[in-house]
Structure formats: structure tokens, C-alpha cells
Amino acid sequence: MNKVHVKTGDEVVVINGKYRGKRGKVLEVSPKENKVIVEGVNIVTKHVKPRKVGEPGGLIKAESALYADKVQLICPKCGRPTRTGSTVNSKGKKMRTCKKSDCNAEFE
């Protein structure tokens, strides 16, 4: 099983590509494909056919998946993009930590 460094609900920043510098919340993670869907990033236009009577069809804008390697987690304490480490806290729970030397915050 592949492991992804971000979880659903994390705030991330895109570090390369067309949407470089854009921040957003992770909506979905797919470890098998090593991809994530980020809110407001990688918008594509889909042609949707009406399936039921009265349901509108047409063009719909939606977020598409992008590789997890292209996003970096934003530390909730210092607000900067960071790499993450892991430590075990006093209660025995594994926590992610900010790798910035002046921050070292623990978060879930």
C-alpha cells in the first residue's frame, strides 16, 4: 500500500505546475494512484448529460486530481509550507510535526 503525506481536510499549497502558489483544502486522497483533489485547484470542464427529467445538463466545472508530490502541507501553527516528521507524544499517539526549525509544532 502506498502512503501519502497529506490527509483529507489538510490545508496545502501547490508547489509546481499551472496552479503553483494556490492554497486549498484537501477534499479527497487516493493513495493507490498517489493523487489528491484540492479545493479550487486543477479545475476542469465536464460535459454532463441530463439523466433524469428536469435535471439540467451542460458544462460543469469541477476539481480534478493532481499528484500528491505537487502539494506541500501548510503548518497550522506557523502558516508556512513545510515538510513533516513524526513523533510519539506522551499519550503514545503518533503525531505529525512541522520540520521548520523555529516552529516544531505537533498536529494530527
PDB file of N, CA and C in Angstrom:
ATOM      1  N   MET A   1       0.838  -1.193   0.000  1.00  0.00           N
ATOM      2  CA  MET A   1       0.000   0.000   0.000  1.00  0.00           C
ATOM      3  C   MET A   1       0.880   1.252   0.000  1.00  0.00           C
ATOM      4  N   ASN A   2       0.524   2.215  -0.836  1.00  0.00           N
ATOM      5  CA  ASN A   2       1.267   3.464  -0.917  1.00  0.00           C
ATOM      6  C   ASN A   2       0.815   4.409   0.187  1.00  0.00           C
ATOM      7  N   LYS A   3       1.737   5.252   0.644  1.00  0.00           N
ATOM      8  CA  LYS A   3       1.434   6.193   1.692  1.00  0.00           C
ATOM      9  C   LYS A   3       1.520   7.602   1.143  1.00  0.00           C
ATOM     10  N   VAL A   4       0.570   8.447   1.524  1.00  0.00           N
ATOM     11  CA  VAL A   4       0.540   9.832   1.079  1.00  0.00           C
ATOM     12  C   VAL A   4       0.763  10.720   2.295  1.00  0.00           C
ATOM     13  N   HIS A   5       1.534  11.786   2.129  1.00  0.00           N
ATOM     14  CA  HIS A   5       1.916  12.645   3.247  1.00  0.00           C
ATOM     15  C   HIS A   5       0.830  13.616   3.700  1.00  0.00           C
ATOM     16  N   VAL A   6      -0.293  13.674   2.998  1.00  0.00           N
ATOM     17  CA  VAL A   6      -1.395  14.559   3.401  1.00  0.00           C
ATOM     18  C   VAL A   6      -2.642  13.738   3.673  1.00  0.00           C
ATOM     19  N   LYS A   7      -3.543  14.311   4.480  1.00  0.00           N
ATOM     20  CA  LYS A   7      -4.802  13.658   4.810  1.00  0.00           C
ATOM     21  C   LYS A   7      -5.952  14.529   4.337  1.00  0.00           C
ATOM     22  N   THR A   8      -7.134  13.963   4.263  1.00  0.00           N
ATOM     23  CA  THR A   8      -8.321  14.719   3.927  1.00  0.00           C
ATOM     24  C   THR A   8      -8.548  15.791   4.982  1.00  0.00           C
ATOM     25  N   GLY A   9      -8.786  17.029   4.535  1.00  0.00           N
ATOM     26  CA  GLY A   9      -9.011  18.140   5.457  1.00  0.00           C
ATOM     27  C   GLY A   9      -7.786  19.004   5.703  1.00  0.00           C
ATOM     28  N   ASP A  10      -6.604  18.544   5.297  1.00  0.00           N
ATOM     29  CA  ASP A  10      -5.375  19.335   5.460  1.00  0.00           C
ATOM     30  C   ASP A  10      -5.396  20.525   4.511  1.00  0.00           C
ATOM     31  N   GLU A  11      -4.748  21.619   4.922  1.00  0.00           N
ATOM     32  CA  GLU A  11      -4.560  22.753   4.022  1.00  0.00           C
ATOM     33  C   GLU A  11      -3.197  22.591   3.368  1.00  0.00           C
ATOM     34  N   VAL A  12      -3.172  22.722   2.040  1.00  0.00           N
ATOM     35  CA  VAL A  12      -1.938  22.519   1.282  1.00  0.00           C
ATOM     36  C   VAL A  12      -1.717  23.669   0.308  1.00  0.00           C
ATOM     37  N   VAL A  13      -0.486  23.756  -0.199  1.00  0.00           N
ATOM     38  CA  VAL A  13      -0.147  24.711  -1.252  1.00  0.00           C
ATOM     39  C   VAL A  13       0.453  23.916  -2.406  1.00  0.00           C
ATOM     40  N   VAL A  14       0.104  24.309  -3.640  1.00  0.00           N
ATOM     41  CA  VAL A  14       0.641  23.645  -4.832  1.00  0.00           C
ATOM     42  C   VAL A  14       2.030  24.216  -5.085  1.00  0.00           C
ATOM     43  N   ILE A  15       3.032  23.343  -5.246  1.00  0.00           N
ATOM     44  CA  ILE A  15       4.417  23.814  -5.355  1.00  0.00           C
ATOM     45  C   ILE A  15       4.961  23.854  -6.780  1.00  0.00           C
ATOM     46  N   ASN A  16       4.268  23.266  -7.754  1.00  0.00           N
ATOM     47  CA  ASN A  16       4.696  23.431  -9.142  1.00  0.00           C
ATOM     48  C   ASN A  16       3.526  23.189 -10.091  1.00  0.00           C
ATOM     49  N   GLY A  17       3.702  23.624 -11.333  1.00  0.00           N
ATOM     50  CA  GLY A  17       2.663  23.456 -12.329  1.00  0.00           C
ATOM     51  C   GLY A  17       1.859  24.728 -12.539  1.00  0.00           C
ATOM     52  N   LYS A  18       0.772  24.592 -13.253  1.00  0.00           N
ATOM     53  CA  LYS A  18      -0.094  25.715 -13.632  1.00  0.00           C
ATOM     54  C   LYS A  18      -0.672  26.448 -12.424  1.00  0.00           C
ATOM     55  N   TYR A  19      -0.968  25.724 -11.368  1.00  0.00           N
ATOM     56  CA  TYR A  19      -1.610  26.304 -10.180  1.00  0.00           C
ATOM     57  C   TYR A  19      -0.621  26.570  -9.053  1.00  0.00           C
ATOM     58  N   ARG A  20       0.649  26.777  -9.372  1.00  0.00           N
ATOM     59  CA  ARG A  20       1.694  26.998  -8.368  1.00  0.00           C
ATOM     60  C   ARG A  20       1.353  28.188  -7.465  1.00  0.00           C
ATOM     61  N   GLY A  21       1.482  27.952  -6.149  1.00  0.00           N
ATOM     62  CA  GLY A  21       1.224  29.005  -5.173  1.00  0.00           C
ATOM     63  C   GLY A  21      -0.202  29.041  -4.651  1.00  0.00           C
ATOM     64  N   LYS A  22      -1.119  28.314  -5.279  1.00  0.00           N
ATOM     65  CA  LYS A  22      -2.511  28.302  -4.829  1.00  0.00           C
ATOM     66  C   LYS A  22      -2.668  27.432  -3.594  1.00  0.00           C
ATOM     67  N   ARG A  23      -3.440  27.932  -2.638  1.00  0.00           N
ATOM     68  CA  ARG A  23      -3.716  27.176  -1.417  1.00  0.00           C
ATOM     69  C   ARG A  23      -5.118  26.607  -1.486  1.00  0.00           C
ATOM     70  N   GLY A  24      -5.326  25.488  -0.816  1.00  0.00           N
ATOM     71  CA  GLY A  24      -6.644  24.888  -0.776  1.00  0.00           C
ATOM     72  C   GLY A  24      -6.699  23.751   0.220  1.00  0.00           C
ATOM     73  N   LYS A  25      -7.913  23.282   0.455  1.00  0.00           N
ATOM     74  CA  LYS A  25      -8.155  22.193   1.393  1.00  0.00           C
ATOM     75  C   LYS A  25      -8.228  20.881   0.619  1.00  0.00           C
ATOM     76  N   VAL A  26      -7.644  19.830   1.170  1.00  0.00           N
ATOM     77  CA  VAL A  26      -7.673  18.518   0.519  1.00  0.00           C
ATOM     78  C   VAL A  26      -9.069  17.921   0.695  1.00  0.00           C
ATOM     79  N   LEU A  27      -9.737  17.652  -0.421  1.00  0.00           N
ATOM     80  CA  LEU A  27     -11.082  17.083  -0.387  1.00  0.00           C
ATOM     81  C   LEU A  27     -11.055  15.565  -0.392  1.00  0.00           C
ATOM     82  N   GLU A  28     -10.094  14.993  -1.125  1.00  0.00           N
ATOM     83  CA  GLU A  28     -10.046  13.538  -1.279  1.00  0.00           C
ATOM     84  C   GLU A  28      -8.606  13.094  -1.510  1.00  0.00           C
ATOM     85  N   VAL A  29      -8.251  11.936  -0.977  1.00  0.00           N
ATOM     86  CA  VAL A  29      -6.915  11.375  -1.153  1.00  0.00           C
ATOM     87  C   VAL A  29      -7.043   9.982  -1.741  1.00  0.00           C
ATOM     88  N   SER A  30      -6.239   9.693  -2.757  1.00  0.00           N
ATOM     89  CA  SER A  30      -6.229   8.377  -3.376  1.00  0.00           C
ATOM     90  C   SER A  30      -4.808   7.808  -3.304  1.00  0.00           C
ATOM     91  N   PRO A  31      -4.490   7.049  -2.222  1.00  0.00           N
ATOM     92  CA  PRO A  31      -3.138   6.525  -2.068  1.00  0.00           C
ATOM     93  C   PRO A  31      -2.736   5.541  -3.168  1.00  0.00           C
ATOM     94  N   LYS A  32      -3.698   4.815  -3.706  1.00  0.00           N
ATOM     95  CA  LYS A  32      -3.405   3.830  -4.743  1.00  0.00           C
ATOM     96  C   LYS A  32      -2.838   4.508  -5.993  1.00  0.00           C
ATOM     97  N   GLU A  33      -3.383   5.658  -6.356  1.00  0.00           N
ATOM     98  CA  GLU A  33      -2.910   6.403  -7.524  1.00  0.00           C
ATOM     99  C   GLU A  33      -1.901   7.486  -7.155  1.00  0.00           C
ATOM    100  N   ASN A  34      -1.671   7.701  -5.856  1.00  0.00           N
ATOM    101  CA  ASN A  34      -0.799   8.763  -5.335  1.00  0.00           C
ATOM    102  C   ASN A  34      -1.280  10.141  -5.793  1.00  0.00           C
ATOM    103  N   LYS A  35      -2.604  10.356  -5.713  1.00  0.00           N
ATOM    104  CA  LYS A  35      -3.207  11.616  -6.142  1.00  0.00           C
ATOM    105  C   LYS A  35      -4.093  12.202  -5.051  1.00  0.00           C
ATOM    106  N   VAL A  36      -4.287  13.519  -5.136  1.00  0.00           N
ATOM    107  CA  VAL A  36      -5.185  14.234  -4.218  1.00  0.00           C
ATOM    108  C   VAL A  36      -6.071  15.169  -5.017  1.00  0.00           C
ATOM    109  N   ILE A  37      -7.236  15.490  -4.454  1.00  0.00           N
ATOM    110  CA  ILE A  37      -8.116  16.505  -5.031  1.00  0.00           C
ATOM    111  C   ILE A  37      -8.128  17.662  -4.059  1.00  0.00           C
ATOM    112  N   VAL A  38      -7.748  18.856  -4.556  1.00  0.00           N
ATOM    113  CA  VAL A  38      -7.646  20.051  -3.727  1.00  0.00           C
ATOM    114  C   VAL A  38      -8.731  21.038  -4.155  1.00  0.00           C
ATOM    115  N   GLU A  39      -9.396  21.630  -3.162  1.00  0.00           N
ATOM    116  CA  GLU A  39     -10.482  22.570  -3.390  1.00  0.00           C
ATOM    117  C   GLU A  39      -9.989  23.806  -4.148  1.00  0.00           C
ATOM    118  N   GLY A  40     -10.620  24.097  -5.289  1.00  0.00           N
ATOM    119  CA  GLY A  40     -10.296  25.283  -6.071  1.00  0.00           C
ATOM    120  C   GLY A  40      -9.053  25.174  -6.937  1.00  0.00           C
ATOM    121  N   VAL A  41      -8.483  23.984  -7.049  1.00  0.00           N
ATOM    122  CA  VAL A  41      -7.257  23.785  -7.826  1.00  0.00           C
ATOM    123  C   VAL A  41      -7.504  22.738  -8.902  1.00  0.00           C
ATOM    124  N   ASN A  42      -6.879  22.913 -10.068  1.00  0.00           N
ATOM    125  CA  ASN A  42      -6.986  21.984 -11.194  1.00  0.00           C
ATOM    126  C   ASN A  42      -8.437  21.839 -11.657  1.00  0.00           C
ATOM    127  N   ILE A  43      -9.071  22.968 -11.952  1.00  0.00           N
ATOM    128  CA  ILE A  43     -10.468  22.999 -12.379  1.00  0.00           C
ATOM    129  C   ILE A  43     -10.564  22.541 -13.840  1.00  0.00           C
ATOM    130  N   VAL A  44     -11.452  21.605 -14.094  1.00  0.00           N
ATOM    131  CA  VAL A  44     -11.707  21.118 -15.450  1.00  0.00           C
ATOM    132  C   VAL A  44     -13.187  21.287 -15.769  1.00  0.00           C
ATOM    133  N   THR A  45     -13.497  21.368 -17.066  1.00  0.00           N
ATOM    134  CA  THR A  45     -14.874  21.493 -17.512  1.00  0.00           C
ATOM    135  C   THR A  45     -15.360  20.138 -17.997  1.00  0.00           C
ATOM    136  N   LYS A  46     -16.468  19.676 -17.429  1.00  0.00           N
ATOM    137  CA  LYS A  46     -17.032  18.391 -17.819  1.00  0.00           C
ATOM    138  C   LYS A  46     -18.335  18.620 -18.571  1.00  0.00           C
ATOM    139  N   HIS A  47     -18.563  17.822 -19.605  1.00  0.00           N
ATOM    140  CA  HIS A  47     -19.817  17.853 -20.334  1.00  0.00           C
ATOM    141  C   HIS A  47     -20.740  16.826 -19.685  1.00  0.00           C
ATOM    142  N   VAL A  48     -21.837  17.285 -19.106  1.00  0.00           N
ATOM    143  CA  VAL A  48     -22.737  16.401 -18.376  1.00  0.00           C
ATOM    144  C   VAL A  48     -24.071  16.315 -19.111  1.00  0.00           C
ATOM    145  N   LYS A  49     -24.527  15.089 -19.301  1.00  0.00           N
ATOM    146  CA  LYS A  49     -25.800  14.834 -19.963  1.00  0.00           C
ATOM    147  C   LYS A  49     -26.888  14.739 -18.897  1.00  0.00           C
ATOM    148  N   PRO A  50     -28.059  15.335 -19.126  1.00  0.00           N
ATOM    149  CA  PRO A  50     -29.134  15.200 -18.138  1.00  0.00           C
ATOM    150  C   PRO A  50     -29.609  13.749 -18.051  1.00  0.00           C
ATOM    151  N   ARG A  51     -29.643  13.192 -16.853  1.00  0.00           N
ATOM    152  CA  ARG A  51     -30.014  11.788 -16.666  1.00  0.00           C
ATOM    153  C   ARG A  51     -31.495  11.611 -16.323  1.00  0.00           C
ATOM    154  N   LYS A  52     -32.041  12.520 -15.536  1.00  0.00           N
ATOM    155  CA  LYS A  52     -33.455  12.432 -15.141  1.00  0.00           C
ATOM    156  C   LYS A  52     -34.228  13.579 -15.777  1.00  0.00           C
ATOM    157  N   VAL A  53     -35.547  13.464 -15.789  1.00  0.00           N
ATOM    158  CA  VAL A  53     -36.391  14.526 -16.317  1.00  0.00           C
ATOM    159  C   VAL A  53     -36.277  15.749 -15.407  1.00  0.00           C
ATOM    160  N   GLY A  54     -35.995  16.882 -15.999  1.00  0.00           N
ATOM    161  CA  GLY A  54     -35.867  18.114 -15.227  1.00  0.00           C
ATOM    162  C   GLY A  54     -34.466  18.397 -14.726  1.00  0.00           C
ATOM    163  N   GLU A  55     -33.564  17.436 -14.832  1.00  0.00           N
ATOM    164  CA  GLU A  55     -32.186  17.640 -14.388  1.00  0.00           C
ATOM    165  C   GLU A  55     -31.415  18.393 -15.475  1.00  0.00           C
ATOM    166  N   PRO A  56     -30.720  19.462 -15.103  1.00  0.00           N
ATOM    167  CA  PRO A  56     -30.006  20.231 -16.124  1.00  0.00           C
ATOM    168  C   PRO A  56     -28.739  19.518 -16.597  1.00  0.00           C
ATOM    169  N   GLY A  57     -28.419  19.702 -17.846  1.00  0.00           N
ATOM    170  CA  GLY A  57     -27.179  19.189 -18.399  1.00  0.00           C
ATOM    171  C   GLY A  57     -26.286  20.366 -18.733  1.00  0.00           C
ATOM    172  N   GLY A  58     -25.231  20.119 -19.473  1.00  0.00           N
ATOM    173  CA  GLY A  58     -24.368  21.208 -19.896  1.00  0.00           C
ATOM    174  C   GLY A  58     -22.954  21.075 -19.375  1.00  0.00           C
ATOM    175  N   LEU A  59     -22.304  22.224 -19.259  1.00  0.00           N
ATOM    176  CA  LEU A  59     -20.912  22.251 -18.825  1.00  0.00           C
ATOM    177  C   LEU A  59     -20.842  22.497 -17.326  1.00  0.00           C
ATOM    178  N   ILE A  60     -20.094  21.653 -16.627  1.00  0.00           N
ATOM    179  CA  ILE A  60     -19.933  21.782 -15.170  1.00  0.00           C
ATOM    180  C   ILE A  60     -18.447  21.866 -14.865  1.00  0.00           C
ATOM    181  N   LYS A  61     -18.075  22.819 -14.019  1.00  0.00           N
ATOM    182  CA  LYS A  61     -16.676  22.944 -13.597  1.00  0.00           C
ATOM    183  C   LYS A  61     -16.480  22.133 -12.327  1.00  0.00           C
ATOM    184  N   ALA A  62     -15.405  21.346 -12.286  1.00  0.00           N
ATOM    185  CA  ALA A  62     -15.131  20.500 -11.126  1.00  0.00           C
ATOM    186  C   ALA A  62     -13.617  20.382 -10.925  1.00  0.00           C
ATOM    187  N   GLU A  63     -13.227  20.057  -9.685  1.00  0.00           N
ATOM    188  CA  GLU A  63     -11.816  19.847  -9.383  1.00  0.00           C
ATOM    189  C   GLU A  63     -11.392  18.472  -9.886  1.00  0.00           C
ATOM    190  N   SER A  64     -10.197  18.421 -10.433  1.00  0.00           N
ATOM    191  CA  SER A  64      -9.643  17.159 -10.893  1.00  0.00           C
ATOM    192  C   SER A  64      -8.455  16.794 -10.009  1.00  0.00           C
ATOM    193  N   ALA A  65      -8.069  15.535 -10.047  1.00  0.00           N
ATOM    194  CA  ALA A  65      -6.971  15.052  -9.202  1.00  0.00           C
ATOM    195  C   ALA A  65      -5.632  15.545  -9.728  1.00  0.00           C
ATOM    196  N   LEU A  66      -4.690  15.753  -8.801  1.00  0.00           N
ATOM    197  CA  LEU A  66      -3.318  16.035  -9.173  1.00  0.00           C
ATOM    198  C   LEU A  66      -2.406  15.213  -8.280  1.00  0.00           C
ATOM    199  N   TYR A  67      -1.178  15.009  -8.721  1.00  0.00           N
ATOM    200  CA  TYR A  67      -0.256  14.162  -7.975  1.00  0.00           C
ATOM    201  C   TYR A  67       0.051  14.749  -6.602  1.00  0.00           C
ATOM    202  N   ALA A  68       0.115  13.890  -5.609  1.00  0.00           N
ATOM    203  CA  ALA A  68       0.368  14.317  -4.231  1.00  0.00           C
ATOM    204  C   ALA A  68       1.759  14.931  -4.086  1.00  0.00           C
ATOM    205  N   ASP A  69       2.684  14.582  -4.978  1.00  0.00           N
ATOM    206  CA  ASP A  69       4.033  15.146  -4.933  1.00  0.00           C
ATOM    207  C   ASP A  69       4.030  16.643  -5.237  1.00  0.00           C
ATOM    208  N   LYS A  70       2.989  17.128  -5.878  1.00  0.00           N
ATOM    209  CA  LYS A  70       2.912  18.540  -6.267  1.00  0.00           C
ATOM    210  C   LYS A  70       2.360  19.434  -5.171  1.00  0.00           C
ATOM    211  N   VAL A  71       1.965  18.859  -4.034  1.00  0.00           N
ATOM    212  CA  VAL A  71       1.435  19.679  -2.945  1.00  0.00           C
ATOM    213  C   VAL A  71       2.295  19.539  -1.694  1.00  0.00           C
ATOM    214  N   GLN A  72       2.305  20.613  -0.905  1.00  0.00           N
ATOM    215  CA  GLN A  72       3.063  20.611   0.344  1.00  0.00           C
ATOM    216  C   GLN A  72       2.124  21.081   1.456  1.00  0.00           C
ATOM    217  N   LEU A  73       2.200  20.411   2.578  1.00  0.00           N
ATOM    218  CA  LEU A  73       1.351  20.708   3.725  1.00  0.00           C
ATOM    219  C   LEU A  73       1.681  22.062   4.324  1.00  0.00           C
ATOM    220  N   ILE A  74       0.643  22.793   4.768  1.00  0.00           N
ATOM    221  CA  ILE A  74       0.833  24.067   5.451  1.00  0.00           C
ATOM    222  C   ILE A  74       0.673  23.822   6.944  1.00  0.00           C
ATOM    223  N   CYS A  75       1.674  24.240   7.723  1.00  0.00           N
ATOM    224  CA  CYS A  75       1.644  24.061   9.178  1.00  0.00           C
ATOM    225  C   CYS A  75       0.521  24.905   9.771  1.00  0.00           C
ATOM    226  N   PRO A  76      -0.350  24.321  10.590  1.00  0.00           N
ATOM    227  CA  PRO A  76      -1.448  25.093  11.185  1.00  0.00           C
ATOM    228  C   PRO A  76      -0.978  26.141  12.191  1.00  0.00           C
ATOM    229  N   LYS A  77       0.231  25.976  12.746  1.00  0.00           N
ATOM    230  CA  LYS A  77       0.723  26.927  13.743  1.00  0.00           C
ATOM    231  C   LYS A  77       1.430  28.118  13.095  1.00  0.00           C
ATOM    232  N   CYS A  78       2.446  27.837  12.252  1.00  0.00           N
ATOM    233  CA  CYS A  78       3.230  28.937  11.671  1.00  0.00           C
ATOM    234  C   CYS A  78       2.693  29.416  10.324  1.00  0.00           C
ATOM    235  N   GLY A  79       1.824  28.624   9.672  1.00  0.00           N
ATOM    236  CA  GLY A  79       1.194  29.039   8.423  1.00  0.00           C
ATOM    237  C   GLY A  79       2.097  28.982   7.204  1.00  0.00           C
ATOM    238  N   ARG A  80       3.222  28.255   7.301  1.00  0.00           N
ATOM    239  CA  ARG A  80       4.148  28.149   6.179  1.00  0.00           C
ATOM    240  C   ARG A  80       4.140  26.730   5.617  1.00  0.00           C
ATOM    241  N   PRO A  81       4.418  26.588   4.298  1.00  0.00           N
ATOM    242  CA  PRO A  81       4.551  25.252   3.730  1.00  0.00           C
ATOM    243  C   PRO A  81       5.733  24.538   4.373  1.00  0.00           C
ATOM    244  N   THR A  82       5.542  23.275   4.728  1.00  0.00           N
ATOM    245  CA  THR A  82       6.590  22.561   5.449  1.00  0.00           C
ATOM    246  C   THR A  82       6.593  21.079   5.106  1.00  0.00           C
ATOM    247  N   ARG A  83       7.739  20.463   5.343  1.00  0.00           N
ATOM    248  CA  ARG A  83       7.809  19.012   5.329  1.00  0.00           C
ATOM    249  C   ARG A  83       7.367  18.550   6.706  1.00  0.00           C
ATOM    250  N   THR A  84       6.987  17.298   6.809  1.00  0.00           N
ATOM    251  CA  THR A  84       6.531  16.810   8.101  1.00  0.00           C
ATOM    252  C   THR A  84       7.381  15.650   8.572  1.00  0.00           C
ATOM    253  N   GLY A  85       7.529  15.591   9.884  1.00  0.00           N
ATOM    254  CA  GLY A  85       8.179  14.460  10.524  1.00  0.00           C
ATOM    255  C   GLY A  85       7.140  13.805  11.413  1.00  0.00           C
ATOM    256  N   SER A  86       7.525  12.787  12.142  1.00  0.00           N
ATOM    257  CA  SER A  86       6.575  12.166  13.060  1.00  0.00           C
ATOM    258  C   SER A  86       7.257  11.864  14.384  1.00  0.00           C
ATOM    259  N   THR A  87       6.490  12.080  15.447  1.00  0.00           N
ATOM    260  CA  THR A  87       6.963  11.771  16.791  1.00  0.00           C
ATOM    261  C   THR A  87       5.829  11.118  17.549  1.00  0.00           C
ATOM    262  N   VAL A  88       6.167  10.455  18.645  1.00  0.00           N
ATOM    263  CA  VAL A  88       5.164   9.850  19.502  1.00  0.00           C
ATOM    264  C   VAL A  88       5.026  10.756  20.727  1.00  0.00           C
ATOM    265  N   ASN A  89       3.797  11.232  20.994  1.00  0.00           N
ATOM    266  CA  ASN A  89       3.598  12.135  22.133  1.00  0.00           C
ATOM    267  C   ASN A  89       3.529  11.353  23.444  1.00  0.00           C
ATOM    268  N   SER A  90       3.309  12.060  24.550  1.00  0.00           N
ATOM    269  CA  SER A  90       3.310  11.440  25.874  1.00  0.00           C
ATOM    270  C   SER A  90       2.195  10.410  26.062  1.00  0.00           C
ATOM    271  N   LYS A  91       1.115  10.543  25.305  1.00  0.00           N
ATOM    272  CA  LYS A  91      -0.005   9.593  25.409  1.00  0.00           C
ATOM    273  C   LYS A  91       0.190   8.363  24.526  1.00  0.00           C
ATOM    274  N   GLY A  92       1.311   8.324  23.799  1.00  0.00           N
ATOM    275  CA  GLY A  92       1.599   7.178  22.948  1.00  0.00           C
ATOM    276  C   GLY A  92       0.995   7.278  21.565  1.00  0.00           C
ATOM    277  N   LYS A  93       0.483   8.464  21.192  1.00  0.00           N
ATOM    278  CA  LYS A  93      -0.128   8.646  19.882  1.00  0.00           C
ATOM    279  C   LYS A  93       0.897   9.228  18.911  1.00  0.00           C
ATOM    280  N   LYS A  94       0.924   8.710  17.692  1.00  0.00           N
ATOM    281  CA  LYS A  94       1.844   9.194  16.672  1.00  0.00           C
ATOM    282  C   LYS A  94       1.305  10.505  16.101  1.00  0.00           C
ATOM    283  N   MET A  95       2.131  11.550  16.138  1.00  0.00           N
ATOM    284  CA  MET A  95       1.722  12.869  15.679  1.00  0.00           C
ATOM    285  C   MET A  95       2.649  13.340  14.562  1.00  0.00           C
ATOM    286  N   ARG A  96       2.119  14.177  13.663  1.00  0.00           N
ATOM    287  CA  ARG A  96       2.957  14.801  12.644  1.00  0.00           C
ATOM    288  C   ARG A  96       3.551  16.081  13.230  1.00  0.00           C
ATOM    289  N   THR A  97       4.763  16.407  12.836  1.00  0.00           N
ATOM    290  CA  THR A  97       5.413  17.611  13.343  1.00  0.00           C
ATOM    291  C   THR A  97       5.920  18.464  12.191  1.00  0.00           C
ATOM    292  N   CYS A  98       5.933  19.767  12.420  1.00  0.00           N
ATOM    293  CA  CYS A  98       6.467  20.738  11.470  1.00  0.00           C
ATOM    294  C   CYS A  98       7.989  20.660  11.523  1.00  0.00           C
ATOM    295  N   LYS A  99       8.657  20.618  10.373  1.00  0.00           N
ATOM    296  CA  LYS A  99      10.107  20.495  10.332  1.00  0.00           C
ATOM    297  C   LYS A  99      10.824  21.840  10.299  1.00  0.00           C
ATOM    298  N   LYS A 100      10.094  22.964  10.345  1.00  0.00           N
ATOM    299  CA  LYS A 100      10.732  24.276  10.409  1.00  0.00           C
ATOM    300  C   LYS A 100      11.421  24.395  11.766  1.00  0.00           C
ATOM    301  N   SER A 101      12.660  24.863  11.769  1.00  0.00           N
ATOM    302  CA  SER A 101      13.474  24.865  12.985  1.00  0.00           C
ATOM    303  C   SER A 101      12.908  25.742  14.095  1.00  0.00           C
ATOM    304  N   ASP A 102      12.217  26.833  13.742  1.00  0.00           N
ATOM    305  CA  ASP A 102      11.693  27.715  14.766  1.00  0.00           C
ATOM    306  C   ASP A 102      10.256  27.384  15.175  1.00  0.00           C
ATOM    307  N   CYS A 103       9.643  26.382  14.568  1.00  0.00           N
ATOM    308  CA  CYS A 103       8.233  26.046  14.851  1.00  0.00           C
ATOM    309  C   CYS A 103       8.112  24.737  15.645  1.00  0.00           C
ATOM    310  N   ASN A 104       8.433  23.603  15.015  1.00  0.00           N
ATOM    311  CA  ASN A 104       8.348  22.265  15.621  1.00  0.00           C
ATOM    312  C   ASN A 104       6.986  21.951  16.242  1.00  0.00           C
ATOM    313  N   ALA A 105       5.904  22.449  15.646  1.00  0.00           N
ATOM    314  CA  ALA A 105       4.556  22.214  16.161  1.00  0.00           C
ATOM    315  C   ALA A 105       4.118  20.784  15.903  1.00  0.00           C
ATOM    316  N   GLU A 106       3.319  20.235  16.824  1.00  0.00           N
ATOM    317  CA  GLU A 106       2.729  18.904  16.640  1.00  0.00           C
ATOM    318  C   GLU A 106       1.277  19.090  16.208  1.00  0.00           C
ATOM    319  N   PHE A 107       0.846  18.308  15.237  1.00  0.00           N
ATOM    320  CA  PHE A 107      -0.546  18.334  14.793  1.00  0.00           C
ATOM    321  C   PHE A 107      -0.939  16.980  14.280  1.00  0.00           C
ATOM    322  N   GLU A 108      -2.251  16.760  14.081  1.00  0.00           N
ATOM    323  CA  GLU A 108      -2.746  15.457  13.628  1.00  0.00           C
ATOM    324  C   GLU A 108      -2.610  15.238  12.184  1.00  0.00           C
TER     325      GLU A 108
END
